[in-house]
Amino acid sequence: MLTQLAGVVVAAAEEHDLAPLIAPPFVIGGCMFAALLLLMVVAVSFMNLGNRHSAVQESDDPHRQHTNKHMHSDDSASSNH
């Protein structure tokens, strides 16, 4: 059954003309590769952005939804629940 289906698919593919391409397939693939390479370079260039300045101690913000005022940082245990 599977071989018959494969034969039907091959016969149907031979009857239809392929859609025209704007360039040869290796040119299209090369352009895709170059575009993804450019996006990778942009992403890598922003990778070290957080290390430019030293960390600043966070201040208490009363408008924050959940502030950590449970004094967990004073204890050595990871959870005190």
PDB file of N, CA and C in Angstrom:
ATOM      1  N   MET A   1       0.830  -1.191   0.000  1.00  0.00           N
ATOM      2  CA  MET A   1       0.000   0.000   0.000  1.00  0.00           C
ATOM      3  C   MET A   1       0.870   1.248   0.000  1.00  0.00           C
ATOM      4  N   LEU A   2       1.916   1.242   0.817  1.00  0.00           N
ATOM      5  CA  LEU A   2       2.777   2.412   0.901  1.00  0.00           C
ATOM      6  C   LEU A   2       3.542   2.635  -0.399  1.00  0.00           C
ATOM      7  N   THR A   3       3.969   1.558  -1.051  1.00  0.00           N
ATOM      8  CA  THR A   3       4.687   1.706  -2.320  1.00  0.00           C
ATOM      9  C   THR A   3       3.756   2.220  -3.410  1.00  0.00           C
ATOM     10  N   GLN A   4       2.481   1.808  -3.375  1.00  0.00           N
ATOM     11  CA  GLN A   4       1.517   2.326  -4.341  1.00  0.00           C
ATOM     12  C   GLN A   4       1.302   3.822  -4.125  1.00  0.00           C
ATOM     13  N   LEU A   5       1.202   4.224  -2.871  1.00  0.00           N
ATOM     14  CA  LEU A   5       1.018   5.629  -2.553  1.00  0.00           C
ATOM     15  C   LEU A   5       2.227   6.448  -3.002  1.00  0.00           C
ATOM     16  N   ALA A   6       3.420   5.916  -2.791  1.00  0.00           N
ATOM     17  CA  ALA A   6       4.628   6.617  -3.227  1.00  0.00           C
ATOM     18  C   ALA A   6       4.648   6.748  -4.740  1.00  0.00           C
ATOM     19  N   GLY A   7       4.224   5.718  -5.467  1.00  0.00           N
ATOM     20  CA  GLY A   7       4.160   5.783  -6.931  1.00  0.00           C
ATOM     21  C   GLY A   7       3.167   6.820  -7.409  1.00  0.00           C
ATOM     22  N   VAL A   8       2.026   6.924  -6.745  1.00  0.00           N
ATOM     23  CA  VAL A   8       1.016   7.919  -7.109  1.00  0.00           C
ATOM     24  C   VAL A   8       1.543   9.330  -6.866  1.00  0.00           C
ATOM     25  N   VAL A   9       2.243   9.525  -5.766  1.00  0.00           N
ATOM     26  CA  VAL A   9       2.800  10.839  -5.443  1.00  0.00           C
ATOM     27  C   VAL A   9       3.852  11.244  -6.469  1.00  0.00           C
ATOM     28  N   VAL A  10       4.716  10.305  -6.857  1.00  0.00           N
ATOM     29  CA  VAL A  10       5.755  10.604  -7.857  1.00  0.00           C
ATOM     30  C   VAL A  10       5.119  10.912  -9.199  1.00  0.00           C
ATOM     31  N   ALA A  11       4.101  10.166  -9.585  1.00  0.00           N
ATOM     32  CA  ALA A  11       3.440  10.405 -10.865  1.00  0.00           C
ATOM     33  C   ALA A  11       2.722  11.752 -10.860  1.00  0.00           C
ATOM     34  N   ALA A  12       2.125  12.106  -9.753  1.00  0.00           N
ATOM     35  CA  ALA A  12       1.436  13.405  -9.671  1.00  0.00           C
ATOM     36  C   ALA A  12       2.432  14.554  -9.676  1.00  0.00           C
ATOM     37  N   ALA A  13       3.601  14.345  -9.112  1.00  0.00           N
ATOM     38  CA  ALA A  13       4.614  15.397  -9.081  1.00  0.00           C
ATOM     39  C   ALA A  13       5.206  15.638 -10.459  1.00  0.00           C
ATOM     40  N   GLU A  14       5.280  14.618 -11.273  1.00  0.00           N
ATOM     41  CA  GLU A  14       5.827  14.770 -12.619  1.00  0.00           C
ATOM     42  C   GLU A  14       4.886  15.541 -13.527  1.00  0.00           C
ATOM     43  N   GLU A  15       3.601  15.488 -13.262  1.00  0.00           N
ATOM     44  CA  GLU A  15       2.631  16.158 -14.121  1.00  0.00           C
ATOM     45  C   GLU A  15       2.623  17.672 -13.925  1.00  0.00           C
ATOM     46  N   HIS A  16       2.903  18.146 -12.737  1.00  0.00           N
ATOM     47  CA  HIS A  16       2.808  19.564 -12.432  1.00  0.00           C
ATOM     48  C   HIS A  16       4.142  20.260 -12.639  1.00  0.00           C
ATOM     49  N   ASP A  17       4.045  21.507 -13.100  1.00  0.00           N
ATOM     50  CA  ASP A  17       5.250  22.312 -13.215  1.00  0.00           C
ATOM     51  C   ASP A  17       5.563  22.927 -11.858  1.00  0.00           C
ATOM     52  N   LEU A  18       6.843  23.058 -11.579  1.00  0.00           N
ATOM     53  CA  LEU A  18       7.256  23.662 -10.325  1.00  0.00           C
ATOM     54  C   LEU A  18       7.081  25.169 -10.406  1.00  0.00           C
ATOM     55  N   ALA A  19       6.862  25.777  -9.257  1.00  0.00           N
ATOM     56  CA  ALA A  19       6.726  27.230  -9.199  1.00  0.00           C
ATOM     57  C   ALA A  19       8.078  27.864  -9.514  1.00  0.00           C
ATOM     58  N   PRO A  20       8.069  28.981 -10.230  1.00  0.00           N
ATOM     59  CA  PRO A  20       9.351  29.625 -10.558  1.00  0.00           C
ATOM     60  C   PRO A  20       9.989  30.241  -9.310  1.00  0.00           C
ATOM     61  N   LEU A  21      11.302  30.149  -9.240  1.00  0.00           N
ATOM     62  CA  LEU A  21      12.038  30.716  -8.121  1.00  0.00           C
ATOM     63  C   LEU A  21      12.673  32.028  -8.557  1.00  0.00           C
ATOM     64  N   ILE A  22      12.903  32.916  -7.585  1.00  0.00           N
ATOM     65  CA  ILE A  22      13.517  34.199  -7.934  1.00  0.00           C
ATOM     66  C   ILE A  22      15.022  34.057  -8.107  1.00  0.00           C
ATOM     67  N   ALA A  23      15.594  32.969  -7.584  1.00  0.00           N
ATOM     68  CA  ALA A  23      17.022  32.707  -7.699  1.00  0.00           C
ATOM     69  C   ALA A  23      17.228  31.204  -7.529  1.00  0.00           C
ATOM     70  N   PRO A  24      18.420  30.738  -7.860  1.00  0.00           N
ATOM     71  CA  PRO A  24      18.705  29.310  -7.620  1.00  0.00           C
ATOM     72  C   PRO A  24      18.617  28.978  -6.132  1.00  0.00           C
ATOM     73  N   PRO A  25      18.317  27.738  -5.814  1.00  0.00           N
ATOM     74  CA  PRO A  25      18.134  27.365  -4.402  1.00  0.00           C
ATOM     75  C   PRO A  25      19.340  27.657  -3.511  1.00  0.00           C
ATOM     76  N   PHE A  26      20.579  27.501  -4.029  1.00  0.00           N
ATOM     77  CA  PHE A  26      21.739  27.769  -3.180  1.00  0.00           C
ATOM     78  C   PHE A  26      21.872  29.254  -2.872  1.00  0.00           C
ATOM     79  N   VAL A  27      21.375  30.133  -3.758  1.00  0.00           N
ATOM     80  CA  VAL A  27      21.411  31.573  -3.483  1.00  0.00           C
ATOM     81  C   VAL A  27      20.388  31.916  -2.401  1.00  0.00           C
ATOM     82  N   ILE A  28      19.216  31.330  -2.478  1.00  0.00           N
ATOM     83  CA  ILE A  28      18.181  31.564  -1.470  1.00  0.00           C
ATOM     84  C   ILE A  28      18.657  31.060  -0.108  1.00  0.00           C
ATOM     85  N   GLY A  29      19.257  29.866  -0.086  1.00  0.00           N
ATOM     86  CA  GLY A  29      19.795  29.326   1.161  1.00  0.00           C
ATOM     87  C   GLY A  29      20.926  30.182   1.703  1.00  0.00           C
ATOM     88  N   GLY A  30      21.786  30.685   0.825  1.00  0.00           N
ATOM     89  CA  GLY A  30      22.878  31.551   1.252  1.00  0.00           C
ATOM     90  C   GLY A  30      22.375  32.856   1.848  1.00  0.00           C
ATOM     91  N   CYS A  31      21.326  33.419   1.255  1.00  0.00           N
ATOM     92  CA  CYS A  31      20.737  34.649   1.798  1.00  0.00           C
ATOM     93  C   CYS A  31      20.099  34.405   3.163  1.00  0.00           C
ATOM     94  N   MET A  32      19.430  33.274   3.317  1.00  0.00           N
ATOM     95  CA  MET A  32      18.848  32.926   4.615  1.00  0.00           C
ATOM     96  C   MET A  32      19.946  32.759   5.661  1.00  0.00           C
ATOM     97  N   PHE A  33      21.023  32.081   5.280  1.00  0.00           N
ATOM     98  CA  PHE A  33      22.141  31.869   6.201  1.00  0.00           C
ATOM     99  C   PHE A  33      22.762  33.204   6.598  1.00  0.00           C
ATOM    100  N   ALA A  34      22.949  34.114   5.640  1.00  0.00           N
ATOM    101  CA  ALA A  34      23.536  35.420   5.930  1.00  0.00           C
ATOM    102  C   ALA A  34      22.634  36.239   6.853  1.00  0.00           C
ATOM    103  N   ALA A  35      21.316  36.167   6.627  1.00  0.00           N
ATOM    104  CA  ALA A  35      20.380  36.913   7.476  1.00  0.00           C
ATOM    105  C   ALA A  35      20.407  36.377   8.911  1.00  0.00           C
ATOM    106  N   LEU A  36      20.424  35.056   9.075  1.00  0.00           N
ATOM    107  CA  LEU A  36      20.474  34.482  10.415  1.00  0.00           C
ATOM    108  C   LEU A  36      21.812  34.756  11.092  1.00  0.00           C
ATOM    109  N   LEU A  37      22.891  34.769  10.304  1.00  0.00           N
ATOM    110  CA  LEU A  37      24.205  35.101  10.849  1.00  0.00           C
ATOM    111  C   LEU A  37      24.232  36.549  11.337  1.00  0.00           C
ATOM    112  N   LEU A  38      23.613  37.452  10.582  1.00  0.00           N
ATOM    113  CA  LEU A  38      23.525  38.849  10.999  1.00  0.00           C
ATOM    114  C   LEU A  38      22.719  38.985  12.292  1.00  0.00           C
ATOM    115  N   LEU A  39      21.608  38.276  12.394  1.00  0.00           N
ATOM    116  CA  LEU A  39      20.815  38.312  13.623  1.00  0.00           C
ATOM    117  C   LEU A  39      21.592  37.750  14.808  1.00  0.00           C
ATOM    118  N   MET A  40      22.413  36.715  14.573  1.00  0.00           N
ATOM    119  CA  MET A  40      23.227  36.163  15.644  1.00  0.00           C
ATOM    120  C   MET A  40      24.269  37.169  16.117  1.00  0.00           C
ATOM    121  N   VAL A  41      24.885  37.884  15.173  1.00  0.00           N
ATOM    122  CA  VAL A  41      25.890  38.889  15.542  1.00  0.00           C
ATOM    123  C   VAL A  41      25.250  40.002  16.359  1.00  0.00           C
ATOM    124  N   VAL A  42      24.052  40.425  15.993  1.00  0.00           N
ATOM    125  CA  VAL A  42      23.346  41.456  16.758  1.00  0.00           C
ATOM    126  C   VAL A  42      23.033  40.946  18.162  1.00  0.00           C
ATOM    127  N   ALA A  43      22.567  39.716  18.278  1.00  0.00           N
ATOM    128  CA  ALA A  43      22.245  39.154  19.592  1.00  0.00           C
ATOM    129  C   ALA A  43      23.495  39.018  20.458  1.00  0.00           C
ATOM    130  N   VAL A  44      24.595  38.588  19.877  1.00  0.00           N
ATOM    131  CA  VAL A  44      25.827  38.416  20.639  1.00  0.00           C
ATOM    132  C   VAL A  44      26.393  39.770  21.057  1.00  0.00           C
ATOM    133  N   SER A  45      26.187  40.791  20.242  1.00  0.00           N
ATOM    134  CA  SER A  45      26.717  42.105  20.601  1.00  0.00           C
ATOM    135  C   SER A  45      25.991  42.693  21.808  1.00  0.00           C
ATOM    136  N   PHE A  46      24.756  42.316  22.040  1.00  0.00           N
ATOM    137  CA  PHE A  46      24.016  42.799  23.204  1.00  0.00           C
ATOM    138  C   PHE A  46      24.133  41.861  24.403  1.00  0.00           C
ATOM    139  N   MET A  47      24.874  40.775  24.295  1.00  0.00           N
ATOM    140  CA  MET A  47      24.944  39.776  25.352  1.00  0.00           C
ATOM    141  C   MET A  47      25.625  40.317  26.611  1.00  0.00           C
ATOM    142  N   ASN A  48      26.600  41.176  26.469  1.00  0.00           N
ATOM    143  CA  ASN A  48      27.389  41.641  27.593  1.00  0.00           C
ATOM    144  C   ASN A  48      26.889  42.975  28.143  1.00  0.00           C
ATOM    145  N   LEU A  49      25.718  43.399  27.769  1.00  0.00           N
ATOM    146  CA  LEU A  49      25.197  44.716  28.122  1.00  0.00           C
ATOM    147  C   LEU A  49      24.952  44.858  29.624  1.00  0.00           C
ATOM    148  N   GLY A  50      24.573  43.793  30.308  1.00  0.00           N
ATOM    149  CA  GLY A  50      24.268  43.864  31.731  1.00  0.00           C
ATOM    150  C   GLY A  50      25.498  43.987  32.608  1.00  0.00           C
ATOM    151  N   ASN A  51      26.662  43.754  32.074  1.00  0.00           N
ATOM    152  CA  ASN A  51      27.886  43.791  32.877  1.00  0.00           C
ATOM    153  C   ASN A  51      28.620  45.132  32.790  1.00  0.00           C
ATOM    154  N   ARG A  52      28.029  46.128  32.172  1.00  0.00           N
ATOM    155  CA  ARG A  52      28.715  47.403  32.006  1.00  0.00           C
ATOM    156  C   ARG A  52      28.866  48.157  33.315  1.00  0.00           C
ATOM    157  N   HIS A  53      27.866  48.111  34.166  1.00  0.00           N
ATOM    158  CA  HIS A  53      27.880  48.861  35.421  1.00  0.00           C
ATOM    159  C   HIS A  53      27.796  47.879  36.588  1.00  0.00           C
ATOM    160  N   SER A  54      28.300  48.311  37.729  1.00  0.00           N
ATOM    161  CA  SER A  54      28.225  47.447  38.902  1.00  0.00           C
ATOM    162  C   SER A  54      26.782  47.401  39.409  1.00  0.00           C
ATOM    163  N   ALA A  55      26.460  46.342  40.104  1.00  0.00           N
ATOM    164  CA  ALA A  55      25.107  46.169  40.611  1.00  0.00           C
ATOM    165  C   ALA A  55      24.820  47.193  41.707  1.00  0.00           C
ATOM    166  N   VAL A  56      23.607  47.718  41.695  1.00  0.00           N
ATOM    167  CA  VAL A  56      23.181  48.710  42.680  1.00  0.00           C
ATOM    168  C   VAL A  56      22.178  48.044  43.609  1.00  0.00           C
ATOM    169  N   GLN A  57      22.289  48.332  44.903  1.00  0.00           N
ATOM    170  CA  GLN A  57      21.350  47.763  45.872  1.00  0.00           C
ATOM    171  C   GLN A  57      19.937  48.249  45.554  1.00  0.00           C
ATOM    172  N   GLU A  58      18.991  47.328  45.542  1.00  0.00           N
ATOM    173  CA  GLU A  58      17.619  47.665  45.206  1.00  0.00           C
ATOM    174  C   GLU A  58      16.962  48.407  46.363  1.00  0.00           C
ATOM    175  N   SER A  59      16.255  49.469  46.047  1.00  0.00           N
ATOM    176  CA  SER A  59      15.580  50.245  47.085  1.00  0.00           C
ATOM    177  C   SER A  59      14.165  49.715  47.301  1.00  0.00           C
ATOM    178  N   ASP A  60      13.575  50.063  48.434  1.00  0.00           N
ATOM    179  CA  ASP A  60      12.205  49.657  48.732  1.00  0.00           C
ATOM    180  C   ASP A  60      11.238  50.467  47.884  1.00  0.00           C
ATOM    181  N   ASP A  61      10.418  49.802  47.115  1.00  0.00           N
ATOM    182  CA  ASP A  61       9.439  50.468  46.265  1.00  0.00           C
ATOM    183  C   ASP A  61       8.050  50.151  46.802  1.00  0.00           C
ATOM    184  N   PRO A  62       7.324  51.135  47.361  1.00  0.00           N
ATOM    185  CA  PRO A  62       6.004  50.854  47.928  1.00  0.00           C
ATOM    186  C   PRO A  62       4.967  50.497  46.865  1.00  0.00           C
ATOM    187  N   HIS A  63       5.241  50.811  45.596  1.00  0.00           N
ATOM    188  CA  HIS A  63       4.274  50.531  44.536  1.00  0.00           C
ATOM    189  C   HIS A  63       4.465  49.151  43.911  1.00  0.00           C
ATOM    190  N   ARG A  64       5.469  48.446  44.370  1.00  0.00           N
ATOM    191  CA  ARG A  64       5.716  47.106  43.859  1.00  0.00           C
ATOM    192  C   ARG A  64       4.651  46.156  44.380  1.00  0.00           C
ATOM    193  N   GLN A  65       4.298  45.177  43.584  1.00  0.00           N
ATOM    194  CA  GLN A  65       3.210  44.294  43.976  1.00  0.00           C
ATOM    195  C   GLN A  65       3.587  43.414  45.169  1.00  0.00           C
ATOM    196  N   HIS A  66       4.777  42.846  45.159  1.00  0.00           N
ATOM    197  CA  HIS A  66       5.183  41.999  46.269  1.00  0.00           C
ATOM    198  C   HIS A  66       6.625  42.336  46.620  1.00  0.00           C
ATOM    199  N   THR A  67       6.820  42.996  47.720  1.00  0.00           N
ATOM    200  CA  THR A  67       8.174  43.295  48.161  1.00  0.00           C
ATOM    201  C   THR A  67       8.632  42.204  49.113  1.00  0.00           C
ATOM    202  N   ASN A  68       9.900  41.903  49.097  1.00  0.00           N
ATOM    203  CA  ASN A  68      10.443  40.832  49.925  1.00  0.00           C
ATOM    204  C   ASN A  68      10.793  41.415  51.292  1.00  0.00           C
ATOM    205  N   LYS A  69       9.823  41.430  52.193  1.00  0.00           N
ATOM    206  CA  LYS A  69      10.040  41.956  53.543  1.00  0.00           C
ATOM    207  C   LYS A  69       9.931  40.845  54.577  1.00  0.00           C
ATOM    208  N   HIS A  70      10.343  39.645  54.201  1.00  0.00           N
ATOM    209  CA  HIS A  70      10.191  38.510  55.095  1.00  0.00           C
ATOM    210  C   HIS A  70      11.472  38.175  55.835  1.00  0.00           C
ATOM    211  N   MET A  71      12.506  38.933  55.637  1.00  0.00           N
ATOM    212  CA  MET A  71      13.794  38.738  56.308  1.00  0.00           C
ATOM    213  C   MET A  71      14.382  37.360  56.020  1.00  0.00           C
ATOM    214  N   HIS A  72      14.215  36.857  54.809  1.00  0.00           N
ATOM    215  CA  HIS A  72      14.806  35.571  54.440  1.00  0.00           C
ATOM    216  C   HIS A  72      16.304  35.691  54.242  1.00  0.00           C
ATOM    217  N   SER A  73      16.772  36.853  53.907  1.00  0.00           N
ATOM    218  CA  SER A  73      18.196  37.001  53.618  1.00  0.00           C
ATOM    219  C   SER A  73      19.049  36.883  54.873  1.00  0.00           C
ATOM    220  N   ASP A  74      18.477  37.061  56.091  1.00  0.00           N
ATOM    221  CA  ASP A  74      19.248  36.964  57.333  1.00  0.00           C
ATOM    222  C   ASP A  74      19.496  35.531  57.745  1.00  0.00           C
ATOM    223  N   ASP A  75      18.648  34.618  57.306  1.00  0.00           N
ATOM    224  CA  ASP A  75      18.770  33.216  57.706  1.00  0.00           C
ATOM    225  C   ASP A  75      19.623  32.448  56.703  1.00  0.00           C
ATOM    226  N   SER A  76      20.238  31.374  57.197  1.00  0.00           N
ATOM    227  CA  SER A  76      21.057  30.556  56.298  1.00  0.00           C
ATOM    228  C   SER A  76      20.217  29.536  55.547  1.00  0.00           C
ATOM    229  N   ALA A  77      19.003  29.225  56.010  1.00  0.00           N
ATOM    230  CA  ALA A  77      18.151  28.252  55.349  1.00  0.00           C
ATOM    231  C   ALA A  77      17.570  28.873  54.082  1.00  0.00           C
ATOM    232  N   SER A  78      17.346  28.041  53.079  1.00  0.00           N
ATOM    233  CA  SER A  78      16.817  28.572  51.825  1.00  0.00           C
ATOM    234  C   SER A  78      15.324  28.837  51.901  1.00  0.00           C
ATOM    235  N   SER A  79      14.615  28.137  52.778  1.00  0.00           N
ATOM    236  CA  SER A  79      13.183  28.354  52.901  1.00  0.00           C
ATOM    237  C   SER A  79      12.781  28.242  54.377  1.00  0.00           C
ATOM    238  N   ASN A  80      11.972  29.169  54.829  1.00  0.00           N
ATOM    239  CA  ASN A  80      11.558  29.166  56.227  1.00  0.00           C
ATOM    240  C   ASN A  80      10.040  28.962  56.376  1.00  0.00           C
ATOM    241  N   HIS A  81       9.432  28.312  55.423  1.00  0.00           N
ATOM    242  CA  HIS A  81       7.968  28.152  55.476  1.00  0.00           C
ATOM    243  C   HIS A  81       7.604  26.945  56.264  1.00  0.00           C
TER     244      HIS A  81
END
